[in-house]
Structures are given as structure tokens and as C-alpha cells.
Amino acid sequence: MKMKKITYKLFMITSLILLSFAVLIYLTLYFFLPTFYEQYKTNQLQSGIAEIIHKSKSLTVREAKELLDEYSKENNAIIYLQEKNGNIIYSPSFNFQGNTQSSIITGKTSQNEENVNAFNHSLPIQFLNERNLMVTVFATFQPIDEASQVLVRFLPYISIIVVCIGLGSAYLYSRFITKPLLYINERAQKMANLDFSENIVVRSNDELEELSNSLNEMSNNLQKTMDDLRIANEQLKDDIERERKIETKRREFFATVAHELKTPLTVMKGYIEGMIYNIGPYENRDFYLEKNHKIIEGMEQLVREILSMSKLEQNIFKIQMKETNLSNLIETIMKDLVFFASQKEITVINKIPPNLYVFSDNDLLEKAFKNIIHNGIMYSPQGETVYLELTEDSKENQIQIQVINTGVQIKAEELQQLFQPFYRLEKSRNRNTGGSGLGLYIVKQIFTSLSINYSFNNVENGIRFLVTFPQIK
């Protein structure tokens, strides 16, 4: 039968211990039992005869007969009384007569004493009516010698029984002891292979149960740690991927910024070189100086927008949340932009009720709504209309402002792309027909920072920008 190493070792050790003890016990019985029995029997016979001598002082020989018979029966011994001349006056086999028979017994006894290992002891004894008597005790030790011989003959049978019982007991004992250890080892190997699907269950109320509980606790802690590491690893992967995307966008951004700055710088360089060498129309320096001035103003505006965008992305500004009069803010913005509307003959229709308040950052809101309204005016065709409407919804506990510019529609797939940096519908990127492409991106960053909901979609004969604020209670 195939056994595990630890089971085999424990089986062999237990078997050797049991067999060694069996051999030791057998040898002890064989060599020491006769001596022990002889000593024990001698002490028993001596103490018994001493007791009879002590009690005989108050008894007659006839009265002591029962005591002598009982001693003879209990100790399997021959006891007799004799006079100094050797005549036996009592023996369990005789009455108090027959000297001839007594001498025969004495002769036989003497002959037996020469051939048999026995106890033969004579002591003086005194009775009430008899004096100067001797009590003699004879007992053979032959039965124990016969028992030793029987042990030798019974050795093969004893050996078979001892081997069978020893090996069987050792096998059962080793299986019983090692079964929980093998079970724990099997589960521990699964844990070592990172399989935590099963816990170790040992009910023994001893160190094995404590070991199984410790392994389970270690398994749970290891599994939790691995889960945490897996989550952290996934988060790290996401962070790396996000950082890679940010880096890609950053490179694209710098490339776009370089392109946005390169074009006006090239134009300015051409104007200045023409004015230096007085080539053709560039002799009119005042005219081209004014054009260069406008280009520089445009570049300055672009730089300001880039700086604003950078601050919003890096959150290096501090938001100042306070109660803001949204009605007054929109009115102020419109006063600054009415000039641009008049240049394109744009009609602006205001539906702004007074004194509607929101809780937000006044400066950021002003920048965002200025970009939204300015885009509505600049990207509306000549002679169209821009609607500004501010409403209060008491049921929904919110305030909404919508900016609608008519006469233009945008493809659905391009609506959300307008909030990407430097994205423009006008692909030529002509400054005369469009801005830098950062306006709506800055609006998106501001509303995201202030947690403001907004939407941008096509409506009938126009485009609507809708912004929703929670109402101040």
C-alpha cells in the first residue's frame, strides 16, 4: 500500500517501538519471572509459617490442625510436625499415629528434595501441650519453571500475534496522526499556487487546529493584499495610460500653439521686411504698422487664453464661491459685446429678469459667459438674431440661461468636438473668420471646475447653449 513519506516514517517508527516493547516484555518475563516468583513464593511461605508459630503458643496440636491444613492448601505446600527424634506427629496426609509411615514420607521427601527446586525450611514450634517440636515446610517451585518452558514453546504464536497487532496498530496510529497533516499540506500547496478557493478545516482542539487557523488567516491576508495590489496595478495602468494620453495631447497642443503663433509671426516678418526695403505697397508704413499692431493684439489674446487654459487645467487658481447676481453679470457682459453685434447688424434680444442670484465664482462665470455670447455673435451670419433668456424654475429649484443664435446649424458629430482645444469649424484657421479655437474649451473647463451642468445642441433655425444652476434657497 502506497503511503506518504511522513505516514511511512511514523508507521516504521511506531512499529519498531511497539515490537521493541513486546520483545522487552517477553524477555523480562522469561528471565526475571522465575526469580521474582521464587522470591515472592519464599516470602509468602516464610510469613505464613511465622504467623503459625506465633499463634501456636495459645493452641494445642489438634486445635492447630485446621490452621496447618489451611496453610498447606493456600500455599500448595507440605507441612508436618516432628519430634526431635524425627518421628512425624502431624502431616496433612496422616493422622497422629504411624511412625513407620512417617519415616517413609521423610525418606521420600529427602529424595525429592535432592531432585526438585523447592522450599524446605524447619523451625522450632511450641504448643500448649507439646514442647520441643519442629515444624517443617516443603514446597516445590517447579510450576514456574514449566511456565518458562511453555513461554519458549509459545514464542512463535506470541510473535505472530505481537507482529500483527503491532503493525496494525502502528498503521492505524500513523494514518490517524498524519491524515490532518496531509490534508493541511495539500491545502497549503494550493495556497502556495495562489489558489485561495478553499479554507483549511481541522476540528481537533489542539495545535493542528491552531495551525490551520493561522494558515487560513495568512491566506485571507495574502488574498486581500493581492487584490489590493491588483487594484493598485490596474489603477497604475490607468494612470499610465491617462498620462500617456495627456502627454500625447500636450505634444499636439504645443504643436498647435507653435502653428498658431508661427503664422502671424510669418505675416509680421513679411510686412516688416517689405517696409524695410520699401517694396511696392509696403512703402505705406502706417497702414502695415496698424496691421502688425492688430496681429500682435491677436497673439496677445491667444497667449492670455493659453495661460487661462493652463491655469484651469492645473487647478492653480483658487475658486472664490459667493452669491453672484447673475442678472447683472449678463447685462454687464452684453454692454461690452454690443459693439461686435452692431458691426454685423446682429439683433440681440434680452429676456433677463432682475436680481436672480446663484452661488458661484463671479470672475469665472463672467469669462465663460463672455466666450459663449461672443461666439454666438461672431459665428452668426450677417443680420441674424441672438436671444438671451434667463428663467427661474421654482418647481425644479433651478435657474437656467440659454443663448440662441439663429441662421446656423452644426453637424451632430462636430458639436462635442467644439469643446476640444484649437478645434474650429473653419478649417483654414483664418483669423478673419474665426478665433483661436480655445473659447469653448475654456468654457468647458470653467463649468467642470464649478460643477455646472450645460448642453450645446441644434434647435430650429439655430444653435442653443443651455446652462443650469441650482437655485439658492
Protein backbone atom coordinates (compact mmCIF):
# COMPACT_ATOMS: atom_id res chain seq x y z
CA MET A 1 0.00 0.00 0.00
CA LYS A 2 1.45 3.32 -1.06
CA MET A 3 1.89 5.76 1.81
CA LYS A 4 3.08 9.32 2.09
CA LYS A 5 6.61 9.82 3.39
CA ILE A 6 5.54 11.16 6.76
CA THR A 7 2.99 8.35 7.17
CA TYR A 8 5.63 5.76 6.25
CA LYS A 9 8.17 7.21 8.68
CA LEU A 10 5.66 7.37 11.51
CA PHE A 11 4.49 3.80 10.71
CA MET A 12 8.04 2.42 10.79
CA ILE A 13 8.99 4.24 13.98
CA THR A 14 5.78 3.23 15.76
CA SER A 15 6.16 -0.39 14.60
CA LEU A 16 9.74 -0.58 15.84
CA ILE A 17 8.76 0.93 19.20
CA LEU A 18 5.84 -1.49 19.67
CA LEU A 19 7.87 -4.54 18.61
CA SER A 20 10.78 -3.47 20.81
CA PHE A 21 8.49 -3.15 23.79
CA ALA A 22 6.94 -6.55 23.05
CA VAL A 23 10.38 -8.22 22.86
CA LEU A 24 11.49 -6.44 26.01
CA ILE A 25 8.39 -7.58 27.92
CA TYR A 26 8.83 -11.16 26.68
CA LEU A 27 12.50 -11.30 27.67
CA THR A 28 11.67 -9.78 31.04
CA LEU A 29 9.05 -12.46 31.66
CA TYR A 30 11.37 -15.24 30.53
CA PHE A 31 14.45 -14.25 32.53
CA PHE A 32 13.09 -12.46 35.57
CA LEU A 33 9.68 -14.06 36.22
CA PRO A 34 11.10 -17.31 37.75
CA THR A 35 13.39 -15.42 40.10
CA PHE A 36 10.66 -12.96 41.01
CA TYR A 37 8.13 -15.75 41.54
CA GLU A 38 10.59 -17.78 43.68
CA GLN A 39 11.32 -14.76 45.84
CA TYR A 40 7.62 -13.93 46.12
CA LYS A 41 6.73 -17.58 47.00
CA THR A 42 9.55 -17.77 49.54
CA ASN A 43 8.41 -14.60 51.28
CA GLN A 44 4.82 -15.83 51.31
CA LEU A 45 5.80 -19.23 52.81
CA GLN A 46 8.06 -17.63 55.42
CA SER A 47 5.48 -15.07 56.54
CA GLY A 48 2.82 -17.82 56.71
CA ILE A 49 4.92 -20.16 58.89
CA ALA A 50 5.94 -17.24 61.12
CA GLU A 51 2.26 -16.50 61.68
CA ILE A 52 1.57 -20.19 62.58
CA ILE A 53 4.48 -20.23 65.08
CA HIS A 54 3.13 -17.07 66.67
CA LYS A 55 -0.45 -18.43 67.03
CA SER A 56 0.61 -21.96 68.15
CA LYS A 57 1.58 -20.73 71.62
CA SER A 58 -2.09 -20.49 72.55
CA LEU A 59 -3.26 -23.68 70.76
CA THR A 60 -2.92 -27.43 71.14
CA VAL A 61 -1.67 -29.60 68.27
CA ARG A 62 -5.20 -30.78 67.49
CA GLU A 63 -6.55 -27.23 67.66
CA ALA A 64 -3.77 -26.12 65.25
CA LYS A 65 -4.67 -28.84 62.71
CA GLU A 66 -7.17 -26.62 60.89
CA LEU A 67 -4.66 -23.77 60.75
CA LEU A 68 -1.96 -26.10 59.36
CA ASP A 69 -4.33 -27.58 56.76
CA GLU A 70 -5.36 -24.13 55.59
CA TYR A 71 -1.71 -23.07 55.25
CA SER A 72 -0.90 -26.22 53.27
CA LYS A 73 -3.85 -25.68 50.93
CA GLU A 74 -3.25 -21.96 50.30
CA ASN A 75 0.47 -22.33 49.59
CA ASN A 76 0.37 -25.71 47.83
CA ALA A 77 2.94 -26.91 50.38
CA ILE A 78 3.50 -29.93 52.64
CA ILE A 79 3.75 -29.05 56.30
CA TYR A 80 4.39 -31.55 59.09
CA LEU A 81 5.32 -31.63 62.75
CA GLN A 82 8.01 -33.91 64.10
CA GLU A 83 9.72 -34.63 67.34
CA LYS A 84 13.41 -34.31 67.97
CA ASN A 85 13.94 -37.97 67.20
CA GLY A 86 12.42 -37.46 63.74
CA ASN A 87 9.03 -39.04 64.34
CA ILE A 88 6.32 -37.15 62.43
CA ILE A 89 3.33 -36.47 64.61
CA TYR A 90 1.35 -34.50 62.03
CA SER A 91 1.12 -34.17 58.26
CA PRO A 92 -1.90 -33.35 56.08
CA SER A 93 -1.66 -36.91 54.73
CA PHE A 94 -1.55 -38.64 58.14
CA ASN A 95 -3.32 -38.81 61.42
CA PHE A 96 -1.48 -38.61 64.72
CA GLN A 97 -0.12 -42.20 64.55
CA GLY A 98 2.07 -44.44 62.33
CA ASN A 99 5.78 -43.74 62.80
CA THR A 100 6.63 -46.29 60.06
CA GLN A 101 4.73 -44.29 57.51
CA SER A 102 6.31 -41.11 58.76
CA SER A 103 9.77 -42.38 58.19
CA ILE A 104 8.84 -43.45 54.70
CA ILE A 105 7.50 -39.97 53.96
CA THR A 106 10.63 -38.47 55.40
CA GLY A 107 12.72 -40.65 53.16
CA LYS A 108 10.74 -39.76 50.11
CA THR A 109 10.87 -36.14 50.99
CA SER A 110 14.59 -36.22 51.31
CA GLN A 111 14.88 -37.95 47.97
CA ASN A 112 12.56 -35.40 46.32
CA GLU A 113 14.46 -32.51 47.85
CA GLU A 114 17.61 -33.68 46.09
CA ASN A 115 15.98 -33.64 42.64
CA VAL A 116 13.48 -30.77 42.79
CA ASN A 117 13.99 -26.97 43.12
CA ALA A 118 11.94 -26.42 46.28
CA PHE A 119 11.48 -24.56 49.53
CA ASN A 120 12.39 -26.71 52.57
CA HIS A 121 12.58 -24.98 55.90
CA SER A 122 12.37 -26.29 59.51
CA LEU A 123 11.73 -24.14 62.58
CA PRO A 124 11.05 -24.90 66.26
CA ILE A 125 7.43 -24.57 67.29
CA GLN A 126 5.68 -24.68 70.69
CA PHE A 127 2.10 -25.73 71.56
CA LEU A 128 0.21 -25.72 74.83
CA ASN A 129 0.54 -29.47 75.42
CA GLU A 130 3.66 -30.19 73.33
CA ARG A 131 7.15 -28.87 73.63
CA ASN A 132 10.35 -29.22 71.64
CA LEU A 133 8.64 -29.88 68.30
CA MET A 134 9.86 -28.89 64.83
CA VAL A 135 7.66 -27.64 62.02
CA THR A 136 8.88 -28.40 58.53
CA VAL A 137 7.51 -26.79 55.33
CA PHE A 138 8.18 -28.20 51.88
CA ALA A 139 7.01 -26.53 48.62
CA THR A 140 8.22 -27.08 45.08
CA PHE A 141 8.93 -24.22 42.55
CA GLN A 142 8.64 -26.48 39.54
CA PRO A 143 5.39 -24.90 38.12
CA ILE A 144 7.14 -21.62 37.31
CA ASP A 145 9.93 -23.47 35.55
CA GLU A 146 7.29 -25.23 33.47
CA ALA A 147 5.71 -21.85 32.71
CA SER A 148 9.05 -20.60 31.35
CA GLN A 149 9.27 -23.63 29.08
CA VAL A 150 5.72 -23.01 27.89
CA LEU A 151 6.69 -19.39 27.07
CA VAL A 152 9.52 -20.69 24.87
CA ARG A 153 7.21 -23.09 23.02
CA PHE A 154 4.53 -20.40 22.67
CA LEU A 155 7.03 -17.89 21.28
CA PRO A 156 6.12 -18.34 17.55
CA TYR A 157 2.43 -17.79 18.28
CA ILE A 158 3.17 -14.82 20.51
CA SER A 159 5.44 -13.37 17.82
CA ILE A 160 2.73 -13.61 15.14
CA ILE A 161 0.15 -12.02 17.43
CA VAL A 162 2.57 -9.26 18.50
CA VAL A 163 3.64 -8.51 14.90
CA CYS A 164 0.05 -8.40 13.61
CA ILE A 165 -1.22 -6.24 16.47
CA GLY A 166 1.90 -4.04 16.42
CA LEU A 167 1.90 -3.44 12.67
CA GLY A 168 -1.86 -2.95 12.55
CA SER A 169 -1.83 -0.56 15.48
CA ALA A 170 1.16 1.33 14.02
CA TYR A 171 -0.57 1.67 10.66
CA LEU A 172 -3.84 2.94 12.15
CA TYR A 173 -1.98 5.26 14.51
CA SER A 174 0.19 6.69 11.73
CA ARG A 175 -2.84 7.21 9.47
CA PHE A 176 -4.79 8.87 12.27
CA ILE A 177 -1.93 11.22 13.17
CA THR A 178 -0.83 12.12 9.64
CA LYS A 179 -4.26 12.44 7.99
CA PRO A 180 -4.84 16.06 9.16
CA LEU A 181 -1.18 16.89 8.39
CA LEU A 182 -1.53 15.58 4.84
CA TYR A 183 -4.80 17.48 4.47
CA ILE A 184 -3.18 20.71 5.71
CA ASN A 185 -0.20 20.12 3.39
CA GLU A 186 -2.50 19.64 0.38
CA ARG A 187 -4.41 22.87 1.09
CA ALA A 188 -1.15 24.72 1.82
CA GLN A 189 0.22 23.68 -1.60
CA LYS A 190 -2.90 25.13 -3.23
CA MET A 191 -2.35 28.35 -1.30
CA ALA A 192 1.28 28.35 -2.46
CA ASN A 193 -0.09 28.18 -6.04
CA LEU A 194 -2.31 31.19 -5.21
CA ASP A 195 -5.50 29.13 -5.08
CA PHE A 196 -7.49 30.55 -2.16
CA SER A 197 -10.83 28.98 -3.08
CA GLU A 198 -10.90 26.61 -0.08
CA ASN A 199 -10.09 27.16 3.58
CA ILE A 200 -8.43 24.55 5.80
CA VAL A 201 -10.95 23.00 8.21
CA VAL A 202 -9.48 20.97 11.10
CA ARG A 203 -11.54 20.33 14.25
CA SER A 204 -9.09 18.91 16.78
CA ASN A 205 -8.86 21.50 19.59
CA ASP A 206 -5.05 21.31 19.50
CA GLU A 207 -2.04 22.82 17.75
CA LEU A 208 -3.17 21.40 14.38
CA GLU A 209 -6.37 23.42 14.55
CA GLU A 210 -4.34 26.50 15.54
CA LEU A 211 -2.03 25.83 12.58
CA SER A 212 -4.97 25.54 10.17
CA ASN A 213 -6.49 28.76 11.51
CA SER A 214 -3.15 30.54 11.14
CA LEU A 215 -2.83 29.32 7.54
CA ASN A 216 -6.39 30.44 6.80
CA GLU A 217 -5.66 33.87 8.26
CA MET A 218 -2.44 34.08 6.26
CA SER A 219 -4.36 33.02 3.14
CA ASN A 220 -7.03 35.67 3.68
CA ASN A 221 -4.44 38.37 4.33
CA LEU A 222 -2.44 37.30 1.29
CA GLN A 223 -5.54 37.25 -0.90
CA LYS A 224 -6.57 40.70 0.34
CA THR A 225 -3.06 42.02 -0.28
CA MET A 226 -3.03 40.54 -3.77
CA ASP A 227 -6.45 42.05 -4.50
CA ASP A 228 -5.18 45.40 -3.29
CA LEU A 229 -2.07 45.02 -5.43
CA ARG A 230 -4.17 44.03 -8.43
CA ILE A 231 -6.43 47.05 -7.96
CA ALA A 232 -3.37 49.27 -7.46
CA ASN A 233 -1.77 47.75 -10.57
CA GLU A 234 -4.90 48.36 -12.62
CA GLN A 235 -5.06 51.90 -11.27
CA LEU A 236 -1.40 52.35 -12.14
CA LYS A 237 -2.07 51.08 -15.66
CA ASP A 238 -4.96 53.51 -15.97
CA ASP A 239 -2.80 56.33 -14.65
CA ILE A 240 -0.01 55.44 -17.08
CA GLU A 241 -2.49 55.25 -19.95
CA ARG A 242 -4.07 58.54 -18.90
CA GLU A 243 -0.65 60.13 -18.55
CA ARG A 244 0.27 58.83 -22.00
CA LYS A 245 -2.87 60.37 -23.46
CA ILE A 246 -2.18 63.63 -21.63
CA GLU A 247 1.37 63.61 -22.94
CA THR A 248 0.08 62.98 -26.46
CA LYS A 249 -2.41 65.83 -26.12
CA ARG A 250 0.32 68.03 -24.67
CA ARG A 251 2.54 67.41 -27.70
CA GLU A 252 -0.39 68.05 -30.01
CA PHE A 253 -1.19 71.19 -28.04
CA PHE A 254 2.35 72.55 -28.30
CA ALA A 255 2.42 71.73 -31.99
CA THR A 256 -0.88 73.57 -32.47
CA VAL A 257 0.31 76.54 -30.39
CA ALA A 258 3.51 76.68 -32.44
CA HIS A 259 1.42 76.67 -35.61
CA GLU A 260 -0.94 79.33 -34.25
CA LEU A 261 2.00 81.58 -33.39
CA LYS A 262 4.07 80.78 -36.46
CA THR A 263 1.50 82.04 -38.97
CA PRO A 264 1.06 85.59 -37.55
CA LEU A 265 4.81 85.84 -36.88
CA THR A 266 5.50 84.94 -40.53
CA VAL A 267 2.99 87.55 -41.70
CA MET A 268 4.51 90.20 -39.41
CA LYS A 269 8.00 89.32 -40.62
CA GLY A 270 6.89 89.73 -44.24
CA TYR A 271 5.28 93.10 -43.50
CA ILE A 272 8.37 94.39 -41.69
CA GLU A 273 10.81 93.19 -44.37
CA GLY A 274 8.68 94.85 -47.03
CA MET A 275 8.68 98.09 -45.06
CA ILE A 276 12.46 97.91 -44.52
CA TYR A 277 13.20 97.54 -48.21
CA ASN A 278 10.30 99.84 -49.35
CA ILE A 279 8.94 97.17 -51.66
CA GLY A 280 5.77 98.15 -53.57
CA PRO A 281 2.75 98.76 -51.34
CA TYR A 282 4.84 98.33 -48.15
CA GLU A 283 6.03 101.91 -48.60
CA ASN A 284 2.80 102.82 -46.80
CA ARG A 285 4.31 102.05 -43.40
CA ASP A 286 1.49 103.48 -41.32
CA PHE A 287 -1.01 101.09 -42.89
CA TYR A 288 1.15 97.98 -42.30
CA LEU A 289 2.19 99.10 -38.82
CA GLU A 290 -1.50 99.17 -37.95
CA LYS A 291 -1.88 95.66 -39.39
CA ASN A 292 1.11 94.44 -37.35
CA HIS A 293 -0.44 96.00 -34.29
CA LYS A 294 -3.64 94.04 -34.85
CA ILE A 295 -1.65 90.83 -35.34
CA ILE A 296 0.19 91.46 -32.07
CA GLU A 297 -3.11 92.09 -30.29
CA GLY A 298 -4.41 88.77 -31.63
CA MET A 299 -1.27 86.98 -30.46
CA GLU A 300 -1.58 88.66 -27.09
CA GLN A 301 -5.18 87.45 -26.81
CA LEU A 302 -4.09 83.95 -27.79
CA VAL A 303 -1.38 83.95 -25.09
CA ARG A 304 -3.89 85.13 -22.49
CA GLU A 305 -6.26 82.33 -23.46
CA ILE A 306 -3.47 79.76 -23.32
CA LEU A 307 -2.48 80.98 -19.84
CA SER A 308 -6.11 80.86 -18.70
CA MET A 309 -6.48 77.35 -20.08
CA SER A 310 -3.25 76.24 -18.35
CA LYS A 311 -4.43 77.60 -15.00
CA LEU A 312 -7.78 75.84 -15.35
CA GLU A 313 -6.16 72.51 -16.26
CA GLN A 314 -3.63 72.62 -13.42
CA ASN A 315 -6.09 73.98 -10.82
CA ILE A 316 -3.52 76.57 -9.69
CA PHE A 317 -6.21 79.22 -9.19
CA LYS A 318 -8.40 79.47 -6.12
CA ILE A 319 -12.14 79.37 -6.69
CA GLN A 320 -14.00 82.11 -4.83
CA MET A 321 -17.53 80.81 -4.32
CA LYS A 322 -20.00 83.50 -3.32
CA GLU A 323 -23.50 84.76 -4.02
CA THR A 324 -23.50 86.26 -7.52
CA ASN A 325 -26.17 88.42 -9.19
CA LEU A 326 -26.44 86.53 -12.49
CA SER A 327 -28.84 89.12 -13.98
CA ASN A 328 -26.40 92.00 -13.52
CA LEU A 329 -23.49 89.84 -14.74
CA ILE A 330 -25.21 89.09 -18.09
CA GLU A 331 -26.22 92.75 -18.53
CA THR A 332 -22.62 93.86 -17.98
CA ILE A 333 -21.29 91.33 -20.50
CA MET A 334 -23.80 92.48 -23.13
CA LYS A 335 -22.72 96.11 -22.77
CA ASP A 336 -19.15 95.03 -23.60
CA LEU A 337 -20.22 92.97 -26.64
CA VAL A 338 -22.90 95.22 -28.16
CA PHE A 339 -20.26 96.79 -30.40
CA PHE A 340 -19.48 93.45 -32.09
CA ALA A 341 -23.21 92.82 -32.63
CA SER A 342 -23.70 96.21 -34.25
CA GLN A 343 -20.82 95.57 -36.70
CA LYS A 344 -22.62 92.50 -38.04
CA GLU A 345 -26.08 94.04 -37.69
CA ILE A 346 -26.95 91.29 -35.20
CA THR A 347 -30.13 91.83 -33.22
CA VAL A 348 -29.78 90.94 -29.53
CA ILE A 349 -33.00 90.12 -27.66
CA ASN A 350 -32.68 90.13 -23.87
CA LYS A 351 -35.11 88.37 -21.57
CA ILE A 352 -33.21 88.87 -18.35
CA PRO A 353 -35.36 89.36 -15.22
CA PRO A 354 -33.66 91.36 -12.45
CA ASN A 355 -31.97 90.06 -9.33
CA LEU A 356 -31.57 86.34 -9.95
CA TYR A 357 -28.77 85.03 -7.76
CA VAL A 358 -26.57 81.95 -7.98
CA PHE A 359 -23.79 80.67 -5.73
CA SER A 360 -20.62 80.52 -7.82
CA ASP A 361 -17.35 82.27 -8.78
CA ASN A 362 -18.18 85.65 -10.31
CA ASP A 363 -14.96 86.10 -12.32
CA LEU A 364 -15.01 82.62 -13.86
CA LEU A 365 -18.70 82.94 -14.75
CA GLU A 366 -18.03 86.28 -16.43
CA LYS A 367 -15.23 84.76 -18.54
CA ALA A 368 -17.34 81.73 -19.52
CA PHE A 369 -20.49 83.65 -20.49
CA LYS A 370 -18.45 86.27 -22.34
CA ASN A 371 -16.97 83.48 -24.51
CA ILE A 372 -20.41 81.91 -25.07
CA ILE A 373 -22.18 85.16 -26.05
CA HIS A 374 -19.22 86.39 -28.10
CA ASN A 375 -19.18 83.10 -30.06
CA GLY A 376 -22.94 83.42 -30.63
CA ILE A 377 -22.43 86.87 -32.15
CA MET A 378 -19.26 86.14 -34.15
CA TYR A 379 -20.50 82.87 -35.70
CA SER A 380 -23.99 84.14 -36.63
CA PRO A 381 -24.48 85.25 -40.24
CA GLN A 382 -24.96 88.94 -41.05
CA GLY A 383 -28.30 90.32 -39.83
CA GLU A 384 -29.33 87.30 -37.70
CA THR A 385 -30.60 87.34 -34.09
CA VAL A 386 -29.09 86.34 -30.73
CA TYR A 387 -31.52 85.50 -27.91
CA LEU A 388 -30.55 85.75 -24.25
CA GLU A 389 -33.08 84.29 -21.83
CA LEU A 390 -32.75 83.83 -18.08
CA THR A 391 -35.53 81.83 -16.36
CA GLU A 392 -36.31 80.62 -12.86
CA ASP A 393 -37.93 77.21 -12.31
CA SER A 394 -39.25 77.07 -8.73
CA LYS A 395 -40.54 73.51 -9.12
CA GLU A 396 -37.15 72.18 -10.13
CA ASN A 397 -35.30 74.59 -7.81
CA GLN A 398 -33.02 75.75 -10.59
CA ILE A 399 -32.13 78.76 -12.77
CA GLN A 400 -31.48 78.37 -16.49
CA ILE A 401 -29.83 80.67 -19.00
CA GLN A 402 -29.88 79.93 -22.71
CA VAL A 403 -28.06 81.66 -25.56
CA ILE A 404 -29.57 81.03 -29.03
CA ASN A 405 -28.02 82.35 -32.23
CA THR A 406 -30.03 81.90 -35.45
CA GLY A 407 -29.08 81.23 -39.02
CA VAL A 408 -26.52 78.48 -38.38
CA GLN A 409 -26.50 74.71 -37.81
CA ILE A 410 -23.64 72.40 -36.81
CA LYS A 411 -23.32 68.73 -37.67
CA ALA A 412 -24.10 66.45 -34.70
CA GLU A 413 -20.68 64.75 -34.84
CA GLU A 414 -18.94 68.13 -34.57
CA LEU A 415 -20.96 69.58 -31.66
CA GLN A 416 -18.85 67.98 -28.90
CA GLN A 417 -15.58 68.40 -30.76
CA LEU A 418 -16.03 72.17 -30.49
CA PHE A 419 -15.07 71.83 -26.82
CA GLN A 420 -11.63 70.41 -27.75
CA PRO A 421 -8.69 72.86 -27.70
CA PHE A 422 -7.95 74.60 -31.03
CA TYR A 423 -10.83 72.84 -32.80
CA ARG A 424 -12.53 75.11 -35.35
CA LEU A 425 -15.26 74.52 -37.89
CA GLU A 426 -13.41 76.79 -40.30
CA LYS A 427 -10.57 74.50 -41.39
CA SER A 428 -8.44 77.22 -42.96
CA ARG A 429 -7.94 78.70 -39.45
CA ASN A 430 -8.22 82.21 -40.91
CA ARG A 431 -8.18 84.78 -38.11
CA ASN A 432 -10.63 86.95 -40.01
CA THR A 433 -13.29 84.22 -39.97
CA GLY A 434 -12.72 82.67 -36.54
CA GLY A 435 -10.90 82.81 -33.24
CA SER A 436 -8.18 80.66 -31.71
CA GLY A 437 -10.39 77.63 -31.03
CA LEU A 438 -9.88 77.88 -27.26
CA GLY A 439 -13.06 79.73 -26.26
CA LEU A 440 -15.42 76.78 -25.77
CA TYR A 441 -12.63 74.64 -24.30
CA ILE A 442 -12.14 77.29 -21.60
CA VAL A 443 -15.91 77.36 -21.04
CA LYS A 444 -15.89 73.59 -20.57
CA GLN A 445 -13.00 73.77 -18.07
CA ILE A 446 -14.74 76.52 -16.07
CA PHE A 447 -18.09 74.73 -15.86
CA THR A 448 -16.33 71.47 -14.93
CA SER A 449 -14.44 73.21 -12.12
CA LEU A 450 -17.66 74.84 -10.83
CA SER A 451 -19.74 71.62 -11.25
CA ILE A 452 -22.23 73.39 -13.54
CA ASN A 453 -24.42 71.44 -15.98
CA TYR A 454 -24.53 72.63 -19.58
CA SER A 455 -25.57 71.47 -23.05
CA PHE A 456 -24.92 72.57 -26.63
CA ASN A 457 -27.26 71.46 -29.39
CA ASN A 458 -29.08 72.42 -32.58
CA VAL A 459 -32.57 73.89 -32.38
CA GLU A 460 -34.96 75.08 -35.06
CA ASN A 461 -33.08 77.60 -37.24
CA GLY A 462 -30.19 77.96 -34.80
CA ILE A 463 -27.93 76.69 -32.05
CA ARG A 464 -28.65 76.78 -28.32
CA PHE A 465 -26.23 76.85 -25.41
CA LEU A 466 -28.10 75.95 -22.17
CA VAL A 467 -26.62 76.37 -18.68
CA THR A 468 -28.37 75.19 -15.48
CA PHE A 469 -27.67 76.41 -11.91
CA PRO A 470 -29.13 75.16 -8.62
CA GLN A 471 -31.34 77.82 -7.08
CA ILE A 472 -30.21 79.48 -3.85
CA LYS A 473 -32.63 78.59 -1.04
